Protein backbone atom coordinates (compact mmCIF):
# COMPACT_ATOMS: atom_id res chain seq x y z
CA MET A 1 0.00 0.00 0.00
CA GLU A 2 1.26 3.46 -0.81
CA GLU A 3 2.69 5.31 2.15
CA SER A 4 -0.10 7.89 2.25
CA LYS A 5 -2.62 5.13 2.95
CA LEU A 6 -0.86 3.73 6.02
CA HIS A 7 -0.16 5.72 9.20
CA ILE A 8 1.32 4.20 12.39
CA LEU A 9 1.31 6.44 15.47
CA THR A 10 4.11 4.72 17.41
CA GLN A 11 6.57 5.07 14.54
CA THR A 12 7.01 8.61 15.87
CA PRO A 13 7.53 8.65 19.67
CA SER A 14 4.55 10.30 21.38
CA LEU A 15 1.96 9.67 24.10
CA ALA A 16 0.56 6.97 21.83
CA ASN A 17 3.51 4.81 22.92
CA HIS A 18 2.37 5.09 26.53
CA PHE A 19 -1.22 4.15 25.74
CA VAL A 20 -0.20 1.16 23.61
CA ALA A 21 2.34 0.04 26.23
CA GLU A 22 -0.30 0.00 28.98
CA LEU A 23 -2.74 -1.86 26.71
CA ARG A 24 -0.12 -4.60 26.37
CA ASP A 25 1.13 -4.68 29.96
CA VAL A 26 -0.16 -7.67 31.97
CA ALA A 27 0.51 -5.67 35.15
CA VAL A 28 -2.25 -3.26 34.07
CA HIS A 29 -4.67 -5.82 32.65
CA GLY A 30 -6.50 -6.30 35.94
CA ASP A 31 -7.81 -2.73 35.69
CA SER A 32 -10.53 -2.91 33.05
CA MET A 33 -11.43 0.76 33.47
CA ARG A 34 -7.85 1.79 32.63
CA PHE A 35 -7.76 -0.62 29.68
CA ARG A 36 -10.94 0.93 28.28
CA ARG A 37 -9.64 4.43 28.89
CA ASN A 38 -6.35 3.71 27.09
CA LEU A 39 -8.27 2.43 24.07
CA GLU A 40 -10.45 5.53 24.25
CA ARG A 41 -7.43 7.86 24.45
CA LEU A 42 -5.84 6.09 21.50
CA GLY A 43 -9.10 6.59 19.61
CA GLU A 44 -8.89 10.30 20.36
CA LEU A 45 -5.36 10.51 18.99
CA LEU A 46 -6.39 8.58 15.88
CA ALA A 47 -9.41 10.87 15.44
CA TYR A 48 -7.17 13.93 15.54
CA GLU A 49 -4.79 12.48 12.95
CA ILE A 50 -7.65 11.35 10.69
CA SER A 51 -9.21 14.81 10.92
CA LYS A 52 -6.23 16.22 9.01
CA LYS A 53 -7.26 14.22 5.94
CA LEU A 54 -10.94 15.21 5.87
CA PRO A 55 -12.56 17.92 3.70
CA TYR A 56 -12.96 21.40 5.21
CA ALA A 57 -14.93 24.47 4.20
CA PRO A 58 -14.29 28.19 4.92
CA THR A 59 -16.53 29.61 7.63
CA THR A 60 -17.04 32.99 9.26
CA ILE A 61 -17.40 33.11 13.06
CA GLN A 62 -18.82 35.98 15.11
CA THR A 63 -16.81 36.62 18.29
CA PRO A 64 -17.86 39.14 21.00
CA LEU A 65 -15.56 41.71 19.35
CA ALA A 66 -15.48 40.98 15.62
CA THR A 67 -15.91 38.41 12.89
CA THR A 68 -13.10 36.02 12.01
CA ASN A 69 -12.53 33.48 9.29
CA THR A 70 -11.63 29.82 9.80
CA VAL A 71 -12.18 26.43 8.23
CA LEU A 72 -14.43 23.74 9.72
CA LEU A 73 -15.29 20.20 8.71
CA ALA A 74 -17.37 20.26 5.55
CA GLU A 75 -19.36 17.31 6.89
CA GLN A 76 -19.34 14.90 9.79
CA PRO A 77 -18.03 11.38 9.15
CA VAL A 78 -19.94 8.20 9.95
CA LEU A 79 -18.30 6.16 12.72
CA ALA A 80 -18.60 2.37 12.71
CA THR A 81 -17.38 -0.36 15.02
CA ILE A 82 -17.64 -4.08 15.67
CA LEU A 83 -19.23 -5.06 18.96
CA ARG A 84 -18.15 -5.46 21.72
CA ALA A 85 -14.40 -4.94 21.72
CA GLY A 86 -14.57 -1.91 19.44
CA LEU A 87 -16.68 0.22 21.77
CA PRO A 88 -13.90 2.00 23.75
CA LEU A 89 -11.90 2.85 20.61
CA TYR A 90 -15.13 4.01 18.95
CA GLN A 91 -15.89 6.18 21.99
CA GLY A 92 -12.55 7.94 21.59
CA LEU A 93 -13.41 8.73 17.98
CA LEU A 94 -16.89 9.89 19.01
CA ASN A 95 -15.41 12.20 21.66
CA TYR A 96 -13.80 14.19 18.85
CA PHE A 97 -16.31 13.65 16.03
CA ASP A 98 -19.12 14.39 18.44
CA ARG A 99 -21.79 15.11 15.82
CA ALA A 100 -21.16 11.96 13.82
CA TYR A 101 -23.79 9.32 13.08
CA SER A 102 -22.86 5.73 13.92
CA THR A 103 -23.03 2.20 12.54
CA PHE A 104 -22.73 -0.95 14.66
CA VAL A 105 -21.90 -4.50 13.62
CA GLY A 106 -22.09 -7.72 15.63
CA ALA A 107 -19.42 -10.08 14.24
CA TYR A 108 -17.27 -12.72 15.89
CA ARG A 109 -14.80 -15.42 15.00
CA VAL A 110 -15.82 -19.06 15.28
CA GLU A 111 -12.94 -21.17 16.52
CA ALA A 112 -13.39 -24.92 16.25
CA GLU A 113 -10.71 -27.57 16.31
CA ASN A 114 -9.49 -28.76 12.89
CA THR A 115 -11.66 -26.24 11.02
CA ALA A 116 -10.81 -23.05 9.18
CA LEU A 117 -11.42 -19.77 11.00
CA GLU A 118 -14.92 -18.50 10.25
CA ILE A 119 -16.56 -15.13 10.89
CA ASN A 120 -20.23 -14.89 11.84
CA MET A 121 -22.05 -11.57 11.41
CA GLU A 122 -25.44 -11.54 13.10
CA TYR A 123 -26.22 -7.83 13.59
CA LEU A 124 -25.86 -4.70 11.48
CA ALA A 125 -27.46 -1.34 12.29
CA SER A 126 -26.27 1.31 9.86
CA THR A 127 -27.07 4.85 8.91
CA ASN A 128 -26.94 5.87 5.24
CA LEU A 129 -23.36 5.57 3.97
CA HIS A 130 -23.83 6.86 0.42
CA ASP A 131 -21.10 9.38 -0.45
CA LYS A 132 -20.09 9.68 3.23
CA VAL A 133 -16.72 9.60 4.97
CA LEU A 134 -16.64 6.33 6.91
CA ILE A 135 -14.31 5.67 9.86
CA LEU A 136 -14.33 2.01 10.90
CA ALA A 137 -12.85 1.25 14.35
CA ASP A 138 -11.55 -2.19 15.30
CA PRO A 139 -9.05 -2.38 18.19
CA MET A 140 -7.23 -5.50 16.94
CA LEU A 141 -6.68 -6.09 13.24
CA ALA A 142 -5.63 -9.75 13.39
CA THR A 143 -6.71 -11.69 10.30
CA GLY A 144 -8.75 -8.72 9.11
CA ARG A 145 -11.61 -11.02 8.12
CA SER A 146 -14.22 -9.72 10.57
CA LEU A 147 -13.48 -6.12 9.58
CA VAL A 148 -13.68 -6.87 5.85
CA LYS A 149 -16.90 -8.85 6.28
CA ALA A 150 -18.40 -6.02 8.34
CA TYR A 151 -17.42 -3.41 5.75
CA LYS A 152 -18.83 -5.40 2.84
CA GLY A 153 -22.06 -5.88 4.79
CA MET A 154 -22.30 -2.12 5.30
CA LEU A 155 -22.15 -1.49 1.57
CA ARG A 156 -25.80 -2.45 1.22
CA HIS A 157 -26.45 0.92 2.91
CA GLY A 158 -24.43 2.91 0.38
CA LYS A 159 -20.90 3.31 -0.94
CA PRO A 160 -18.74 5.73 1.10
CA LYS A 161 -16.66 8.29 -0.77
CA GLN A 162 -13.78 7.90 1.69
CA VAL A 163 -12.90 5.04 4.04
CA HIS A 164 -10.62 5.19 7.08
CA ILE A 165 -9.79 2.17 9.26
CA ALA A 166 -8.60 2.82 12.82
CA ALA A 167 -7.02 0.07 14.94
CA ALA A 168 -4.96 -0.01 18.13
CA ILE A 169 -2.69 -2.77 16.85
CA ALA A 170 -2.48 -4.89 13.70
CA ALA A 171 -0.68 -7.96 12.41
CA PRO A 172 1.02 -7.75 9.01
CA GLU A 173 -1.21 -10.58 7.74
CA GLY A 174 -4.40 -8.75 8.67
CA LEU A 175 -3.13 -5.47 7.28
CA ALA A 176 -2.27 -7.16 3.97
CA TYR A 177 -5.73 -8.76 3.77
CA VAL A 178 -7.46 -5.41 4.37
CA GLN A 179 -5.23 -3.73 1.79
CA GLN A 180 -6.21 -6.39 -0.71
CA GLU A 181 -9.96 -6.38 0.02
CA ILE A 182 -10.48 -2.64 0.71
CA PRO A 183 -7.76 -0.97 -1.39
CA GLU A 184 -9.45 2.43 -1.13
CA ALA A 185 -9.09 2.52 2.67
CA ILE A 186 -6.60 4.67 4.56
CA VAL A 187 -5.36 2.64 7.55
CA TRP A 188 -4.47 4.24 10.90
CA LEU A 189 -2.72 2.11 13.54
CA GLY A 190 -1.43 2.59 17.04
CA ALA A 191 1.22 -0.06 16.31
CA LEU A 192 2.05 -2.73 13.74
CA ASP A 193 3.03 -6.02 15.42
CA GLU A 194 5.20 -8.94 14.32
CA HIS A 195 2.93 -11.76 13.17
CA LEU A 196 -0.08 -14.00 13.85
CA ASN A 197 0.45 -17.24 15.76
CA GLU A 198 -1.09 -20.60 14.88
CA ARG A 199 -4.38 -19.58 16.53
CA SER A 200 -4.52 -16.30 14.58
CA TYR A 201 -3.68 -14.20 17.65
CA ILE A 202 -1.50 -11.10 17.23
CA VAL A 203 2.07 -11.40 18.61
CA PRO A 204 3.21 -9.65 20.78
CA GLY A 205 -0.37 -8.36 20.88
CA LEU A 206 -2.25 -7.47 24.04
CA GLY A 207 -4.64 -10.35 24.74
CA ASP A 208 -8.40 -10.38 24.15
CA ALA A 209 -9.49 -6.74 23.94
CA GLY A 210 -13.16 -7.53 24.58
CA ASP A 211 -12.43 -9.60 27.69
CA LEU A 212 -9.95 -7.07 29.06
CA ALA A 213 -12.38 -4.21 28.55
CA PHE A 214 -15.64 -5.84 29.65
CA GLY A 215 -14.87 -9.15 31.38
CA PRO A 216 -14.40 -12.73 30.18
CA LYS A 217 -17.04 -14.40 28.01
CA VAL A 218 -18.75 -17.60 29.12
């Protein structure tokens, strides 16, 4: 993918390194509130960076003393996420794009012994996406299959004019799959990790984002 379509926050030292480090750190994993907050703060940083690539329009503002000229977003993006793990990262984006409409997808991986990894998608609630700027948040881009399936499901509600994908961490395999399946997307990452293991988990990774944020599944 061309350089302009891939941005990795931790390639330039910043506070993003601190947030990603705490997301990974097993010594912090017992504090689910802090885990959620670090995902949210990373979402805020990603939102700020993404905002630099969005269309703006000139606007005149009336202050108490005079009028002044500035530029403001020409339109609000649509934010989308995959339940449940994506909610804190999505909230960080929503904190900054606070007038945005939202789309939610329920998708999960089915892991069975001796079978290929499958993705089930059982829920999709979307606003109109036709000619919109879409920002799709997924904290962990592992295989990329759930994100791609979610995006293709959203297309029944319209084709966005611009697509941004925001993730806390990604594996090279998942990034490559997304690049192949959604070549128009601009990808924004907190960090790019080393590889997927035999169970399709990101290494070094951070564990199960949904469980760490909201408690273990039964």
